[in-house]
Amino acid sequence: MAEVARGAVEVTVEPVWERSKLLGPREPARTEFPIEEFLSLNKDFVPYTEVVEKVVREYFHVKDEWLDRFKTFLQEKSGLSFTTFEALGAVLWQARVKASKIPRDEEVKFAYAVNIRRVVKPQLPAGYWGNGCVPMYVKTTAGDLIEKPIWETAELIKKSKRNVSDEYVHSFIDYQELNYKKGINAGRSVGAFTDWRHLGHSTVDFGWGGPVTVLPLSRNLLGSVEPCFFLPYSEASQGKKDGFKVLLYLRVNAVASFREEMEKFGNMAYV
């Protein structure tokens, strides 16, 4: 669309839809991956209407130095290397659950979107313009999440990626087909996390340069009303980049405690 707006006669990548053919349910629909381990059926539970407390937006800046030191610390403790998403996701998830004072025995979930464009067989064509992702889940109890070492939380997130496969994707699609009318949800204490830093939002040019900022329009994501977005700096920030922005939604009564937890991260209190 940006190419057309700038006057292009032809687009670089030919758009492809064919959603029912590329990502439609199988015949017959079947779930060979145990999707029900993460999802529930309950028509009476609508996650986006469950929150009664006011939810507010919180922004904070994550410096490259903090991340580098923290990932080195995690590797020393666990013997594993972690991506920025895995490492920072563990910190944010733990901090939010702790600040929200969720009962120790309650199940909590870390939900995130995984790119399936090269996972499905055959791969999605370059011009497919529908969503090329499905949710993945990590689950534990609030007590275990808060009390276990932070590197074990990062490892849970890392290990969950092993579930991403062609069968997982098609089982997820077929589960929707088989159970949509029964009320599919991921439960109550779901924290949704998504990384927008590499999607290209910050470089799209409709003819007057890149965007000044990049922000989500909705706070409903993957069954959570308290999502977290890793956001890119815009082209307007060129030359001033150090790390990236994080946008979270938090219940008002959890904000002060959450800020304290993030100060510990900034001061490298884990190390």
Protein backbone atom coordinates (compact mmCIF):
# COMPACT_ATOMS: atom_id res chain seq x y z
CA MET A 1 0.00 0.00 0.00
CA ALA A 2 2.87 2.38 0.78
CA GLU A 3 4.42 1.66 -2.62
CA VAL A 4 1.14 2.49 -4.37
CA ALA A 5 0.77 5.66 -2.27
CA ARG A 6 4.24 6.75 -3.42
CA GLY A 7 3.19 6.32 -7.06
CA ALA A 8 4.37 2.82 -7.94
CA VAL A 9 2.70 1.25 -10.97
CA GLU A 10 3.55 -2.28 -9.80
CA VAL A 11 4.13 -3.57 -6.28
CA THR A 12 7.32 -5.39 -5.30
CA VAL A 13 5.50 -8.38 -3.83
CA GLU A 14 2.28 -9.65 -5.40
CA PRO A 15 -0.42 -9.91 -2.70
CA VAL A 16 -1.87 -13.37 -2.01
CA TRP A 17 -4.98 -14.21 0.02
CA GLU A 18 -6.31 -17.79 -0.47
CA ARG A 19 -6.71 -18.09 3.29
CA SER A 20 -9.06 -21.09 3.22
CA LYS A 21 -6.64 -22.99 1.00
CA LEU A 22 -3.44 -22.04 2.83
CA LEU A 23 -4.62 -22.00 6.47
CA GLY A 24 -8.07 -23.54 6.46
CA PRO A 25 -9.11 -26.53 8.61
CA ARG A 26 -8.27 -30.02 7.45
CA GLU A 27 -10.80 -32.57 6.22
CA PRO A 28 -11.68 -34.03 8.61
CA ALA A 29 -10.61 -31.52 11.29
CA ARG A 30 -8.46 -33.18 13.97
CA THR A 31 -6.18 -32.19 16.85
CA GLU A 32 -3.16 -34.46 17.00
CA PHE A 33 -1.26 -31.95 19.15
CA PRO A 34 -2.86 -31.68 22.64
CA ILE A 35 -4.04 -28.08 22.28
CA GLU A 36 -6.46 -28.63 25.16
CA GLU A 37 -3.46 -28.50 27.54
CA PHE A 38 -3.50 -24.72 27.08
CA LEU A 39 -7.07 -23.84 26.13
CA SER A 40 -10.45 -24.24 27.84
CA LEU A 41 -14.06 -24.36 26.67
CA ASN A 42 -16.46 -22.11 28.54
CA LYS A 43 -19.12 -19.99 26.85
CA ASP A 44 -19.77 -18.12 30.09
CA PHE A 45 -16.21 -16.78 30.31
CA VAL A 46 -15.30 -13.86 28.03
CA PRO A 47 -11.73 -12.75 28.88
CA TYR A 48 -12.05 -9.25 27.47
CA THR A 49 -14.94 -8.39 29.80
CA GLU A 50 -13.61 -9.94 33.00
CA VAL A 51 -11.47 -7.08 34.33
CA VAL A 52 -13.33 -4.82 36.74
CA GLU A 53 -10.36 -2.69 37.85
CA LYS A 54 -9.16 0.18 35.70
CA VAL A 55 -6.31 -0.77 33.35
CA VAL A 56 -3.68 1.82 32.43
CA ARG A 57 -0.76 2.04 30.02
CA GLU A 58 2.83 2.06 31.23
CA TYR A 59 5.86 2.82 29.07
CA PHE A 60 9.48 2.26 29.87
CA HIS A 61 12.76 2.25 28.02
CA VAL A 62 15.01 -0.81 27.98
CA LYS A 63 18.69 -0.06 27.40
CA ASP A 64 20.96 -2.35 25.40
CA GLU A 65 23.45 -2.37 28.28
CA TRP A 66 20.86 -3.75 30.70
CA LEU A 67 19.88 -6.51 28.30
CA ASP A 68 23.45 -7.51 27.50
CA ARG A 69 24.38 -7.78 31.17
CA PHE A 70 21.18 -9.61 32.04
CA LYS A 71 21.51 -12.16 29.23
CA THR A 72 25.12 -12.81 30.26
CA PHE A 73 23.92 -13.37 33.82
CA LEU A 74 21.25 -15.84 32.66
CA GLN A 75 23.76 -17.75 30.57
CA GLU A 76 26.19 -18.02 33.48
CA LYS A 77 23.44 -19.38 35.73
CA SER A 78 21.75 -21.76 33.29
CA GLY A 79 24.37 -22.59 30.66
CA LEU A 80 21.87 -21.50 27.98
CA SER A 81 21.75 -18.49 25.69
CA PHE A 82 18.50 -16.52 25.54
CA THR A 83 16.95 -14.14 23.06
CA THR A 84 15.89 -10.67 24.18
CA PHE A 85 12.26 -11.79 24.04
CA GLU A 86 12.88 -14.81 26.27
CA ALA A 87 15.01 -12.93 28.79
CA LEU A 88 12.98 -9.74 29.11
CA GLY A 89 9.71 -11.66 28.79
CA ALA A 90 10.65 -13.66 31.89
CA VAL A 91 11.33 -10.46 33.85
CA LEU A 92 8.09 -8.78 32.79
CA TRP A 93 5.96 -11.85 33.41
CA GLN A 94 7.38 -12.44 36.87
CA ALA A 95 7.11 -8.75 37.79
CA ARG A 96 3.51 -8.48 36.64
CA VAL A 97 2.34 -11.61 38.45
CA LYS A 98 4.11 -10.52 41.63
CA ALA A 99 2.68 -7.00 41.44
CA SER A 100 -0.83 -8.28 40.75
CA LYS A 101 -0.81 -10.38 43.95
CA ILE A 102 -2.28 -13.41 42.20
CA PRO A 103 -2.94 -16.32 44.62
CA ARG A 104 0.01 -18.73 44.80
CA ASP A 105 -1.91 -21.77 43.59
CA GLU A 106 -3.55 -20.04 40.62
CA GLU A 107 -2.38 -21.05 37.15
CA VAL A 108 -0.80 -18.23 35.15
CA LYS A 109 0.03 -18.22 31.45
CA PHE A 110 2.52 -16.45 29.22
CA ALA A 111 0.95 -16.17 25.76
CA TYR A 112 2.85 -15.02 22.70
CA ALA A 113 2.47 -15.06 18.94
CA VAL A 114 4.83 -17.20 16.86
CA ASN A 115 5.60 -16.65 13.20
CA ILE A 116 4.37 -19.63 11.16
CA ARG A 117 5.17 -18.43 7.65
CA ARG A 118 8.06 -20.87 7.28
CA VAL A 119 6.75 -23.45 9.72
CA VAL A 120 3.71 -24.66 7.78
CA LYS A 121 4.17 -27.02 4.87
CA PRO A 122 4.14 -25.76 2.22
CA GLN A 123 5.45 -22.40 3.43
CA LEU A 124 3.18 -19.39 3.07
CA PRO A 125 3.95 -17.36 -0.06
CA ALA A 126 5.83 -14.10 0.44
CA GLY A 127 2.77 -12.05 -0.51
CA TYR A 128 0.32 -13.69 1.90
CA TRP A 129 -1.16 -10.72 3.71
CA GLY A 130 -3.25 -12.46 6.37
CA ASN A 131 -1.97 -13.06 9.88
CA GLY A 132 0.95 -15.47 9.70
CA CYS A 133 1.04 -16.36 13.38
CA VAL A 134 -0.61 -18.51 16.05
CA PRO A 135 -0.51 -18.24 19.86
CA MET A 136 1.88 -20.30 21.96
CA TYR A 137 1.50 -20.71 25.72
CA VAL A 138 3.67 -21.27 28.77
CA LYS A 139 1.95 -22.17 32.03
CA THR A 140 2.89 -22.54 35.68
CA THR A 141 1.48 -21.50 39.06
CA ALA A 142 1.88 -17.97 40.41
CA GLY A 143 3.81 -19.32 43.40
CA ASP A 144 6.33 -21.22 41.28
CA LEU A 145 6.78 -18.29 38.91
CA ILE A 146 7.60 -15.86 41.73
CA GLU A 147 9.78 -18.16 43.81
CA LYS A 148 11.86 -19.96 41.19
CA PRO A 149 15.05 -18.34 39.82
CA ILE A 150 14.47 -15.97 36.92
CA TRP A 151 16.60 -18.10 34.56
CA GLU A 152 14.19 -21.02 35.05
CA THR A 153 11.33 -18.80 33.89
CA ALA A 154 13.34 -17.76 30.81
CA GLU A 155 14.04 -21.44 30.16
CA LEU A 156 10.30 -22.25 30.29
CA ILE A 157 9.67 -19.68 27.57
CA LYS A 158 12.61 -20.95 25.51
CA LYS A 159 11.49 -24.59 25.75
CA SER A 160 7.94 -23.75 24.70
CA LYS A 161 9.21 -22.86 21.23
CA ARG A 162 9.92 -26.55 20.66
CA ASN A 163 6.18 -27.07 20.28
CA VAL A 164 6.05 -24.90 17.17
CA SER A 165 5.52 -27.24 14.22
CA ASP A 166 3.32 -27.77 11.19
CA GLU A 167 1.17 -30.13 13.27
CA TYR A 168 0.81 -27.60 16.10
CA VAL A 169 -0.40 -24.96 13.64
CA HIS A 170 -2.95 -27.22 11.97
CA SER A 171 -4.12 -28.69 15.28
CA PHE A 172 -4.67 -25.13 16.54
CA ILE A 173 -6.66 -24.22 13.41
CA ASP A 174 -8.71 -27.43 13.61
CA TYR A 175 -9.37 -26.91 17.33
CA GLN A 176 -10.97 -23.56 16.44
CA GLU A 177 -13.06 -25.24 13.76
CA LEU A 178 -14.26 -27.98 16.10
CA ASN A 179 -14.88 -25.88 19.21
CA TYR A 180 -15.46 -22.25 18.23
CA LYS A 181 -19.12 -22.22 19.33
CA LYS A 182 -18.22 -23.72 22.72
CA GLY A 183 -16.32 -20.61 23.85
CA ILE A 184 -12.55 -21.10 23.52
CA ASN A 185 -10.32 -19.24 25.97
CA ALA A 186 -6.93 -19.52 27.65
CA GLY A 187 -8.17 -18.89 31.18
CA ARG A 188 -8.01 -15.92 33.52
CA SER A 189 -4.47 -14.94 34.45
CA VAL A 190 -3.07 -14.64 30.93
CA GLY A 191 -0.26 -12.23 30.13
CA ALA A 192 0.15 -11.64 26.37
CA PHE A 193 3.51 -10.64 24.93
CA THR A 194 4.42 -9.66 21.39
CA ASP A 195 7.54 -8.29 19.72
CA TRP A 196 6.97 -5.67 17.03
CA ARG A 197 10.60 -4.59 16.65
CA HIS A 198 11.24 -6.54 13.45
CA LEU A 199 7.88 -6.33 11.66
CA GLY A 200 8.83 -3.26 9.61
CA HIS A 201 6.24 -0.82 11.00
CA SER A 202 8.89 1.81 11.66
CA THR A 203 10.10 1.95 8.05
CA VAL A 204 6.80 2.13 6.13
CA ASP A 205 6.76 5.30 4.01
CA PHE A 206 3.53 6.53 2.41
CA GLY A 207 5.34 9.42 0.78
CA TRP A 208 6.19 11.71 3.68
CA GLY A 209 8.77 9.62 5.51
CA GLY A 210 8.55 6.96 8.20
CA PRO A 211 6.14 7.10 11.16
CA VAL A 212 6.80 9.32 14.15
CA THR A 213 5.76 6.54 16.51
CA VAL A 214 4.36 3.02 16.45
CA LEU A 215 1.54 2.04 18.82
CA PRO A 216 -1.12 -0.70 19.03
CA LEU A 217 -4.77 0.32 18.67
CA SER A 218 -6.24 -2.34 20.95
CA ARG A 219 -5.34 -3.82 24.31
CA ASN A 220 -7.15 -7.11 23.62
CA LEU A 221 -4.51 -9.64 22.63
CA LEU A 222 -4.33 -13.46 22.77
CA GLY A 223 -6.99 -13.66 25.46
CA SER A 224 -5.40 -11.00 27.65
CA VAL A 225 -6.49 -7.46 28.50
CA GLU A 226 -3.02 -6.74 29.90
CA PRO A 227 -0.72 -7.24 26.90
CA CYS A 228 2.88 -6.18 26.53
CA PHE A 229 4.41 -4.84 23.30
CA PHE A 230 8.11 -4.57 22.47
CA LEU A 231 8.02 -1.53 20.17
CA PRO A 232 10.53 -0.25 17.62
CA TYR A 233 11.82 3.28 17.64
CA SER A 234 10.64 5.19 14.59
CA GLU A 235 12.73 6.54 11.76
CA ALA A 236 12.40 9.95 13.46
CA SER A 237 14.63 8.59 16.25
CA GLN A 238 17.41 7.60 13.86
CA GLY A 239 20.80 8.12 15.47
CA LYS A 240 19.37 8.25 19.00
CA LYS A 241 18.48 4.59 19.44
CA ASP A 242 19.63 2.70 22.50
CA GLY A 243 17.51 -0.36 23.18
CA PHE A 244 13.77 -0.09 22.61
CA LYS A 245 10.42 0.84 24.15
CA VAL A 246 8.10 -1.44 26.07
CA LEU A 247 4.39 -0.70 26.38
CA LEU A 248 2.36 -2.62 28.95
CA TYR A 249 -1.16 -2.52 30.25
CA LEU A 250 -1.49 -2.94 34.01
CA ARG A 251 -4.27 -2.82 36.56
CA VAL A 252 -4.03 0.41 38.54
CA ASN A 253 -3.45 -1.29 41.86
CA ALA A 254 -0.41 -3.15 40.45
CA VAL A 255 1.44 -0.19 38.92
CA ALA A 256 3.49 0.95 41.94
CA SER A 257 4.69 -2.55 42.79
CA PHE A 258 5.47 -3.28 39.14
CA ARG A 259 7.61 -0.16 38.86
CA GLU A 260 9.60 -1.28 41.90
CA GLU A 261 10.24 -4.65 40.28
CA MET A 262 11.43 -3.01 37.07
CA GLU A 263 13.75 -0.71 39.03
CA LYS A 264 15.43 -3.86 40.32
CA PHE A 265 15.95 -4.96 36.73
CA GLY A 266 17.35 -1.58 35.71
CA ASN A 267 19.72 -1.63 38.68
CA MET A 268 20.68 -5.24 37.87
CA ALA A 269 19.55 -6.43 41.29
CA TYR A 270 19.34 -9.95 39.84
CA VAL A 271 23.10 -10.07 39.41
